[in-house]
C-alpha cells in the first residue's frame, strides 16, 4: 500500500482526501516533526517507506547550484 507523508507547508486536509482514496497518509505536523527542513526528514521518509508530498523541493534536493545540498 502506498504511504503518503504531507509536508507542513501543505494543508493537513490533504490527509483526509488521500485517506478517502485508499492511501495510508499522515502529515508532518501529526508526527511531531513541525519545523524540520525537508532534508532533515529524509531518514524518517526512507525508514517509513513514505512518498513525500511537498511544494518546496529545493529544501529537499538542494539548490540547482548544489544538488544534494541542504537547501535553504
N, C-alpha and C. Protein backbone atom coordinates (compact mmCIF):
# COMPACT_ATOMS: atom_id res chain seq x y z
N UNK A 1 0.83 -1.18 0.00
CA UNK A 1 0.00 0.00 0.00
C UNK A 1 0.88 1.25 0.00
N UNK A 2 0.52 2.21 -0.81
CA UNK A 2 1.24 3.47 -0.91
C UNK A 2 1.04 4.30 0.34
N UNK A 3 2.13 4.81 0.90
CA UNK A 3 2.08 5.66 2.09
C UNK A 3 2.52 7.06 1.71
N UNK A 4 1.70 8.05 2.04
CA UNK A 4 1.99 9.43 1.71
C UNK A 4 2.25 10.23 2.97
N UNK A 5 3.27 11.06 2.93
CA UNK A 5 3.58 11.97 4.03
C UNK A 5 3.50 13.38 3.48
N UNK A 6 2.58 14.18 4.02
CA UNK A 6 2.35 15.54 3.56
C UNK A 6 3.22 16.51 4.36
N UNK A 7 3.92 17.38 3.66
CA UNK A 7 4.80 18.36 4.30
C UNK A 7 3.98 19.41 5.03
N UNK A 8 4.61 20.06 6.00
CA UNK A 8 3.91 21.05 6.82
C UNK A 8 3.49 22.28 6.03
N UNK A 9 4.10 22.52 4.87
CA UNK A 9 3.72 23.69 4.08
C UNK A 9 2.46 23.46 3.25
N UNK A 10 1.90 22.27 3.36
CA UNK A 10 0.65 21.93 2.68
C UNK A 10 -0.43 21.66 3.72
N UNK A 11 -1.67 21.85 3.32
CA UNK A 11 -2.79 21.71 4.23
C UNK A 11 -2.92 20.29 4.77
N UNK A 12 -3.22 20.20 6.05
CA UNK A 12 -3.45 18.89 6.66
C UNK A 12 -4.74 18.25 6.16
N UNK A 13 -5.60 19.03 5.50
CA UNK A 13 -6.83 18.47 4.93
C UNK A 13 -6.52 17.47 3.81
N UNK A 14 -5.32 17.53 3.26
CA UNK A 14 -4.92 16.57 2.22
C UNK A 14 -4.87 15.15 2.77
N UNK A 15 -4.61 15.01 4.06
CA UNK A 15 -4.56 13.69 4.68
C UNK A 15 -5.92 13.00 4.53
N UNK A 16 -6.99 13.71 4.84
CA UNK A 16 -8.33 13.15 4.70
C UNK A 16 -8.68 12.80 3.27
N UNK A 17 -8.29 13.66 2.35
CA UNK A 17 -8.56 13.39 0.93
C UNK A 17 -7.84 12.13 0.46
N UNK A 18 -6.58 12.00 0.84
CA UNK A 18 -5.79 10.82 0.45
C UNK A 18 -6.33 9.56 1.11
N UNK A 19 -6.69 9.66 2.37
CA UNK A 19 -7.24 8.51 3.09
C UNK A 19 -8.54 8.04 2.44
N UNK A 20 -9.38 8.99 2.05
CA UNK A 20 -10.63 8.65 1.37
C UNK A 20 -10.40 7.91 0.06
N UNK A 21 -9.24 8.14 -0.56
CA UNK A 21 -8.89 7.47 -1.83
C UNK A 21 -8.16 6.15 -1.60
N UNK A 22 -8.00 5.76 -0.33
CA UNK A 22 -7.40 4.46 -0.03
C UNK A 22 -5.93 4.47 0.32
N UNK A 23 -5.33 5.66 0.42
CA UNK A 23 -3.92 5.75 0.78
C UNK A 23 -3.75 5.76 2.30
N UNK A 24 -2.62 5.27 2.76
CA UNK A 24 -2.20 5.50 4.14
C UNK A 24 -1.52 6.86 4.08
N UNK A 25 -1.95 7.79 4.92
CA UNK A 25 -1.43 9.15 4.81
C UNK A 25 -1.30 9.78 6.18
N UNK A 26 -0.26 10.59 6.34
CA UNK A 26 -0.07 11.37 7.55
C UNK A 26 0.49 12.73 7.17
N UNK A 27 0.53 13.62 8.12
CA UNK A 27 1.05 14.97 7.93
C UNK A 27 2.25 15.13 8.86
N UNK A 28 3.25 15.85 8.40
CA UNK A 28 4.46 16.08 9.18
C UNK A 28 4.09 16.58 10.59
N UNK A 29 3.13 17.50 10.67
CA UNK A 29 2.73 18.03 11.98
C UNK A 29 2.13 16.96 12.87
N UNK A 30 1.40 16.01 12.29
CA UNK A 30 0.78 14.94 13.08
C UNK A 30 1.82 14.00 13.66
N UNK A 31 3.00 13.97 13.06
CA UNK A 31 4.08 13.11 13.55
C UNK A 31 5.01 13.84 14.50
N UNK A 32 4.68 15.09 14.83
CA UNK A 32 5.50 15.87 15.75
C UNK A 32 6.80 16.37 15.14
N UNK A 33 6.81 16.55 13.83
CA UNK A 33 8.03 16.94 13.13
C UNK A 33 7.97 18.36 12.58
N UNK A 34 7.07 19.16 13.11
CA UNK A 34 6.91 20.54 12.67
C UNK A 34 8.23 21.31 12.78
N UNK A 35 8.54 22.08 11.75
CA UNK A 35 9.72 22.94 11.78
C UNK A 35 10.99 22.32 11.22
N UNK A 36 10.98 21.03 10.96
CA UNK A 36 12.17 20.40 10.40
C UNK A 36 12.24 20.66 8.90
N UNK A 37 13.44 20.88 8.42
CA UNK A 37 13.66 21.04 6.98
C UNK A 37 13.40 19.69 6.31
N UNK A 38 13.01 19.77 5.04
CA UNK A 38 12.70 18.55 4.31
C UNK A 38 13.87 17.56 4.33
N UNK A 39 15.08 18.07 4.12
CA UNK A 39 16.24 17.17 4.09
C UNK A 39 16.48 16.52 5.45
N UNK A 40 16.03 17.16 6.53
CA UNK A 40 16.16 16.56 7.86
C UNK A 40 15.17 15.41 8.06
N UNK A 41 14.14 15.38 7.24
CA UNK A 41 13.12 14.32 7.31
C UNK A 41 13.51 13.07 6.51
N UNK A 42 14.60 13.15 5.78
CA UNK A 42 14.98 12.07 4.86
C UNK A 42 15.00 10.70 5.53
N UNK A 43 15.63 10.56 6.68
CA UNK A 43 15.72 9.25 7.34
C UNK A 43 14.33 8.73 7.71
N UNK A 44 13.47 9.60 8.19
CA UNK A 44 12.11 9.20 8.56
C UNK A 44 11.33 8.77 7.33
N UNK A 45 11.49 9.52 6.24
CA UNK A 45 10.80 9.19 4.99
C UNK A 45 11.24 7.82 4.49
N UNK A 46 12.54 7.58 4.49
CA UNK A 46 13.06 6.31 4.00
C UNK A 46 12.70 5.15 4.92
N UNK A 47 12.86 5.33 6.21
CA UNK A 47 12.56 4.27 7.17
C UNK A 47 11.08 3.90 7.16
N UNK A 48 10.22 4.90 6.97
CA UNK A 48 8.79 4.67 6.97
C UNK A 48 8.23 4.29 5.62
N UNK A 49 9.09 4.24 4.60
CA UNK A 49 8.68 3.94 3.23
C UNK A 49 7.57 4.89 2.76
N UNK A 50 7.74 6.19 3.10
CA UNK A 50 6.79 7.22 2.72
C UNK A 50 7.10 7.75 1.33
N UNK A 51 6.08 8.22 0.62
CA UNK A 51 6.24 9.09 -0.53
C UNK A 51 5.99 10.49 0.01
N UNK A 52 6.96 11.38 -0.14
CA UNK A 52 6.90 12.71 0.46
C UNK A 52 6.23 13.68 -0.50
N UNK A 53 5.22 14.38 -0.01
CA UNK A 53 4.47 15.35 -0.80
C UNK A 53 4.83 16.75 -0.30
N UNK A 54 5.46 17.56 -1.15
CA UNK A 54 5.87 18.91 -0.77
C UNK A 54 5.78 19.81 -1.99
N UNK A 55 5.75 21.11 -1.75
CA UNK A 55 5.79 22.05 -2.88
C UNK A 55 7.05 22.90 -2.86
N UNK A 56 8.00 22.54 -2.03
CA UNK A 56 9.28 23.27 -2.00
C UNK A 56 10.43 22.27 -2.08
N UNK A 57 10.54 21.64 -3.21
CA UNK A 57 11.52 20.59 -3.41
C UNK A 57 12.97 21.02 -3.22
N UNK A 58 13.27 22.32 -3.36
CA UNK A 58 14.66 22.74 -3.17
C UNK A 58 15.12 22.50 -1.74
N UNK A 59 14.20 22.55 -0.77
CA UNK A 59 14.60 22.22 0.60
C UNK A 59 15.08 20.78 0.70
N UNK A 60 14.48 19.92 -0.10
CA UNK A 60 14.77 18.50 -0.01
C UNK A 60 15.95 18.09 -0.89
N UNK A 61 15.97 18.57 -2.11
CA UNK A 61 17.02 18.12 -3.03
C UNK A 61 18.19 19.08 -3.13
N UNK A 62 18.07 20.27 -2.54
CA UNK A 62 19.14 21.26 -2.60
C UNK A 62 18.96 22.19 -3.78
N UNK A 63 19.65 23.32 -3.77
CA UNK A 63 19.54 24.28 -4.86
C UNK A 63 20.19 23.75 -6.14
N UNK A 64 19.81 24.34 -7.26
CA UNK A 64 20.33 23.90 -8.56
C UNK A 64 21.85 23.95 -8.62
N UNK A 65 22.46 24.93 -7.96
CA UNK A 65 23.91 25.07 -7.99
C UNK A 65 24.61 24.06 -7.06
N UNK A 66 23.85 23.42 -6.17
CA UNK A 66 24.43 22.46 -5.23
C UNK A 66 23.44 21.32 -4.97
N UNK A 67 23.11 20.56 -6.04
CA UNK A 67 22.17 19.47 -5.84
C UNK A 67 22.67 18.47 -4.79
N UNK A 68 21.77 18.03 -3.96
CA UNK A 68 22.15 17.14 -2.89
C UNK A 68 22.57 17.88 -1.63
N UNK A 69 22.64 19.21 -1.72
CA UNK A 69 22.97 20.03 -0.56
C UNK A 69 21.76 20.14 0.37
N UNK A 70 21.91 20.88 1.42
CA UNK A 70 20.87 21.00 2.43
C UNK A 70 19.78 21.99 2.07
N UNK A 71 19.82 22.56 0.90
CA UNK A 71 18.77 23.50 0.52
C UNK A 71 18.89 24.80 1.28
N UNK A 72 17.77 25.48 1.40
CA UNK A 72 17.76 26.80 2.04
C UNK A 72 17.38 26.73 3.49
